[in-house]
Amino acid sequence: MKHGKKYRSALKKAPQKPVSIEEAVKFVKANAGAKFDETVDVYFHLGKELTKGDTAVRGIVKLPNGSGKSVKVAVFAGGDAAEAAKQAGADFVGMADLVEKVTKEGWCDFDVAIATVEAMKEVRKCARVLGPRGLMPNPKTGTVTDDTATAVKEAKGGKVDFRMDKTGNLSVVAGKRSFDADKLVENVKAVISAVQAAKPATVKGVFIKSVTISSTMGVGVPVIAAADAE
């Protein structure tokens, strides 16, 4: 992949060894990779032991300063729960109609899916479409709940789900490059703490091997955070 002049210039200045979160955020903000307001992500490389067996790292983080992203929320519910979801600002609300759209059309034009406990009986039919995309509602991430209003507000307000891929890598949104530096730092720290807290009890040794902060089109900056997670 060829990189532009901005990227190559930033790469020459980028720290080669891990720096503090504050220093990494300062570098990312000062070295834009694109003209648009880039998303800032925290990337984790986890221990090899996690890629074996059924060990999975997943969880949620409530970003104290929000994600800065416009989040589309689909809610599978009926009755009062459906009405509460609409009032809370859900983008799509329904039951049989949404399930049919997902299963027959492969529709998944949303970022978060929420379902009531009762609705999950039907939503399970969508697993083949939603599962691979990480959109399947799950009690562990608070997306299977009868309190649809709270779930919608949290999803819209900065609650982010994360899940490790099969190669042992994990990326979590931490905000926008336009955020004030202190707000980005606070969000990054919340992300790292949440991932550390998601360490499976059965995993021994090094859990987080490395942590890198990067904007959408920018250069990744390694941070001093992995050592705390051993």
Protein backbone atom coordinates (compact mmCIF):
# COMPACT_ATOMS: atom_id res chain seq x y z
CA MET A 1 0.00 0.00 0.00
CA LYS A 2 1.36 3.39 -1.02
CA HIS A 3 1.20 6.20 1.51
CA GLY A 4 0.96 9.91 0.82
CA LYS A 5 3.46 12.65 1.60
CA LYS A 6 1.76 13.51 4.92
CA TYR A 7 1.98 9.94 6.15
CA ARG A 8 5.62 9.54 5.13
CA SER A 9 6.52 12.81 6.80
CA ALA A 10 4.75 11.82 10.02
CA LEU A 11 6.37 8.39 9.94
CA LYS A 12 9.83 9.96 10.03
CA LYS A 13 8.91 11.92 13.17
CA ALA A 14 6.93 9.18 14.93
CA PRO A 15 8.30 7.72 18.19
CA GLN A 16 9.84 4.29 17.62
CA LYS A 17 9.67 3.26 21.27
CA PRO A 18 6.60 3.31 23.52
CA VAL A 19 5.74 6.74 24.92
CA SER A 20 3.18 7.96 27.44
CA ILE A 21 -0.47 8.14 26.43
CA GLU A 22 -0.25 11.93 26.68
CA GLU A 23 2.71 12.07 24.26
CA ALA A 24 1.02 9.67 21.82
CA VAL A 25 -2.19 11.69 21.76
CA LYS A 26 -0.22 14.91 21.25
CA PHE A 27 1.55 13.36 18.24
CA VAL A 28 -1.66 11.97 16.72
CA LYS A 29 -3.43 15.34 17.03
CA ALA A 30 -0.47 17.22 15.53
CA ASN A 31 -0.02 14.87 12.56
CA ALA A 32 -3.24 14.57 10.63
CA GLY A 33 -3.43 11.76 8.11
CA ALA A 34 -6.43 13.21 6.29
CA LYS A 35 -8.42 16.42 5.88
CA PHE A 36 -11.52 15.01 7.57
CA ASP A 37 -11.93 14.61 11.33
CA GLU A 38 -10.32 11.21 11.77
CA THR A 39 -11.39 8.63 14.32
CA VAL A 40 -8.75 7.76 16.91
CA ASP A 41 -8.43 4.07 17.73
CA VAL A 42 -6.49 2.09 20.30
CA TYR A 43 -5.01 -1.12 18.91
CA PHE A 44 -4.04 -4.06 21.10
CA HIS A 45 -1.92 -7.07 20.25
CA LEU A 46 -2.76 -9.79 22.76
CA GLY A 47 -0.90 -12.92 23.86
CA LYS A 48 -0.79 -15.98 21.59
CA GLU A 49 -2.49 -18.12 24.23
CA LEU A 50 -5.69 -16.21 23.58
CA THR A 51 -5.96 -17.46 19.99
CA LYS A 52 -6.15 -21.07 21.13
CA GLY A 53 -9.32 -22.86 22.21
CA ASP A 54 -12.49 -20.99 23.07
CA THR A 55 -10.87 -18.16 25.01
CA ALA A 56 -12.46 -14.91 23.86
CA VAL A 57 -11.80 -11.35 24.91
CA ARG A 58 -14.81 -9.12 24.63
CA GLY A 59 -16.47 -6.43 26.66
CA ILE A 60 -17.68 -2.85 26.74
CA VAL A 61 -16.25 0.52 27.63
CA LYS A 62 -18.18 3.67 28.43
CA LEU A 63 -16.09 6.48 26.99
CA PRO A 64 -16.26 9.38 29.47
CA ASN A 65 -16.24 11.93 26.64
CA GLY A 66 -18.20 9.98 24.04
CA SER A 67 -16.91 8.51 20.79
CA GLY A 68 -17.70 11.46 18.55
CA LYS A 69 -19.31 9.07 16.09
CA SER A 70 -22.89 9.11 14.89
CA VAL A 71 -24.13 5.69 16.01
CA LYS A 72 -27.07 3.98 14.30
CA VAL A 73 -29.03 1.78 16.69
CA ALA A 74 -31.49 -0.97 15.75
CA VAL A 75 -33.82 -2.29 18.45
CA PHE A 76 -35.67 -5.58 18.21
CA ALA A 77 -38.65 -5.17 20.51
CA GLY A 78 -42.39 -4.82 20.71
CA GLY A 79 -44.94 -3.07 22.93
CA ASP A 80 -43.76 -0.64 25.59
CA ALA A 81 -40.08 -1.56 25.07
CA ALA A 82 -40.35 -0.61 21.40
CA GLU A 83 -41.98 2.71 22.23
CA ALA A 84 -39.34 3.46 24.87
CA ALA A 85 -36.60 2.77 22.33
CA LYS A 86 -38.18 5.18 19.84
CA GLN A 87 -38.44 7.89 22.48
CA ALA A 88 -34.76 7.34 23.39
CA GLY A 89 -33.69 7.97 19.80
CA ALA A 90 -33.28 4.51 18.25
CA ASP A 91 -32.87 4.68 14.46
CA PHE A 92 -34.73 1.45 13.69
CA VAL A 93 -37.31 -0.27 15.88
CA GLY A 94 -39.30 -3.37 15.06
CA MET A 95 -39.64 -7.09 15.52
CA ALA A 96 -40.71 -9.51 12.79
CA ASP A 97 -40.12 -6.91 10.08
CA LEU A 98 -36.53 -6.25 11.14
CA VAL A 99 -35.78 -9.96 11.58
CA GLU A 100 -37.07 -10.66 8.08
CA LYS A 101 -35.06 -7.80 6.61
CA VAL A 102 -31.87 -9.12 8.21
CA THR A 103 -32.40 -12.79 7.36
CA LYS A 104 -33.69 -12.34 3.81
CA GLU A 105 -31.83 -9.24 2.65
CA GLY A 106 -28.70 -9.45 4.79
CA TRP A 107 -29.53 -5.96 6.04
CA CYS A 108 -27.27 -4.60 8.77
CA ASP A 109 -27.17 -0.84 8.20
CA PHE A 110 -26.60 -0.08 11.87
CA ASP A 111 -23.76 0.01 14.36
CA VAL A 112 -25.45 -1.49 17.44
CA ALA A 113 -28.27 -4.01 17.77
CA ILE A 114 -30.34 -4.20 20.96
CA ALA A 115 -33.01 -6.77 21.76
CA THR A 116 -35.35 -7.50 24.63
CA VAL A 117 -35.10 -10.88 26.33
CA GLU A 118 -38.36 -11.99 24.70
CA ALA A 119 -37.29 -10.76 21.26
CA MET A 120 -34.13 -12.87 21.32
CA LYS A 121 -36.22 -15.94 20.48
CA GLU A 122 -36.66 -14.45 17.01
CA VAL A 123 -33.40 -12.49 16.79
CA ARG A 124 -31.43 -15.77 17.02
CA LYS A 125 -32.56 -16.38 13.44
CA CYS A 126 -30.30 -13.45 12.49
CA ALA A 127 -27.16 -14.96 14.01
CA ARG A 128 -25.71 -16.04 10.67
CA VAL A 129 -25.83 -12.45 9.40
CA LEU A 130 -25.19 -10.45 12.57
CA GLY A 131 -22.70 -12.79 14.28
CA PRO A 132 -19.77 -12.47 11.84
CA ARG A 133 -20.19 -8.69 11.90
CA GLY A 134 -20.11 -8.51 15.69
CA LEU A 135 -23.65 -7.12 15.77
CA MET A 136 -25.47 -9.94 17.55
CA PRO A 137 -27.11 -8.71 20.78
CA ASN A 138 -25.42 -10.18 23.85
CA PRO A 139 -26.25 -9.97 27.58
CA LYS A 140 -22.54 -9.52 28.38
CA THR A 141 -22.44 -6.24 26.50
CA GLY A 142 -25.77 -5.02 27.80
CA THR A 143 -27.49 -5.27 24.43
CA VAL A 144 -29.99 -7.91 25.54
CA THR A 145 -32.17 -6.00 27.97
CA ASP A 146 -35.75 -4.97 28.63
CA ASP A 147 -34.57 -1.47 29.52
CA THR A 148 -34.28 -0.46 25.89
CA ALA A 149 -34.29 3.28 26.60
CA THR A 150 -31.15 3.12 28.74
CA ALA A 151 -29.41 0.80 26.27
CA VAL A 152 -30.13 3.15 23.36
CA LYS A 153 -28.91 6.22 25.27
CA GLU A 154 -25.70 4.44 26.28
CA ALA A 155 -25.02 3.29 22.72
CA LYS A 156 -25.61 6.80 21.40
CA GLY A 157 -23.66 8.41 24.23
CA GLY A 158 -20.35 6.61 23.96
CA LYS A 159 -20.65 2.99 25.02
CA VAL A 160 -18.41 0.92 22.76
CA ASP A 161 -18.34 -2.85 22.40
CA PHE A 162 -15.04 -4.57 21.64
CA ARG A 163 -14.07 -8.08 20.63
CA MET A 164 -10.75 -9.74 19.84
CA ASP A 165 -10.31 -11.20 16.35
CA LYS A 166 -8.96 -14.70 15.70
CA THR A 167 -5.39 -13.43 15.28
CA GLY A 168 -5.25 -11.97 18.78
CA ASN A 169 -5.74 -8.35 17.74
CA LEU A 170 -8.27 -5.90 19.10
CA SER A 171 -9.16 -2.32 18.15
CA VAL A 172 -11.36 0.07 20.11
CA VAL A 173 -12.63 3.52 19.17
CA ALA A 174 -11.41 6.24 21.55
CA GLY A 175 -12.83 9.39 19.99
CA LYS A 176 -12.07 11.93 17.27
CA ARG A 177 -8.82 13.72 16.47
CA SER A 178 -10.64 17.04 17.00
CA PHE A 179 -11.26 16.20 20.68
CA ASP A 180 -9.29 18.20 23.24
CA ALA A 181 -6.11 16.31 24.16
CA ASP A 182 -7.16 15.77 27.78
CA LYS A 183 -10.48 14.30 26.70
CA LEU A 184 -8.80 11.91 24.28
CA VAL A 185 -6.30 10.87 26.95
CA GLU A 186 -9.16 10.20 29.37
CA ASN A 187 -10.96 8.08 26.77
CA VAL A 188 -7.81 6.12 25.89
CA LYS A 189 -7.18 5.35 29.56
CA ALA A 190 -10.79 4.14 29.91
CA VAL A 191 -10.31 1.85 26.88
CA ILE A 192 -7.09 0.35 28.23
CA SER A 193 -8.63 -0.23 31.66
CA ALA A 194 -11.66 -1.92 30.11
CA VAL A 195 -9.53 -4.27 28.01
CA GLN A 196 -7.35 -5.11 31.01
CA ALA A 197 -10.49 -5.90 33.00
CA ALA A 198 -11.63 -8.27 30.22
CA LYS A 199 -8.64 -10.57 30.73
CA PRO A 200 -9.93 -14.17 30.98
CA ALA A 201 -9.20 -15.76 34.36
CA THR A 202 -7.59 -18.76 32.66
CA VAL A 203 -4.96 -16.71 30.83
CA LYS A 204 -1.51 -16.69 32.38
CA GLY A 205 1.55 -14.61 31.54
CA VAL A 206 1.47 -11.55 29.30
CA PHE A 207 -2.07 -10.56 28.36
CA ILE A 208 -1.46 -7.36 26.40
CA LYS A 209 1.73 -7.51 24.34
CA SER A 210 1.50 -4.04 22.82
CA VAL A 211 -0.75 -1.01 22.56
CA THR A 212 -0.75 1.49 19.71
CA ILE A 213 -2.74 4.67 19.17
CA SER A 214 -3.55 5.85 15.66
CA SER A 215 -5.96 8.04 13.73
CA THR A 216 -7.83 6.64 10.72
CA MET A 217 -5.19 7.55 8.14
CA GLY A 218 -2.36 8.38 10.51
CA VAL A 219 0.79 6.76 11.84
CA GLY A 220 0.52 4.40 14.79
CA VAL A 221 2.27 5.43 18.01
CA PRO A 222 3.22 2.74 20.57
CA VAL A 223 2.33 3.60 24.16
CA ILE A 224 3.56 2.52 27.57
CA ALA A 225 0.54 0.59 28.73
CA ALA A 226 1.16 -3.08 27.96
CA ALA A 227 3.48 -3.63 30.90
CA ASP A 228 0.69 -2.80 33.34
CA ALA A 229 -1.42 -5.61 31.92
CA GLU A 230 0.91 -8.55 32.53
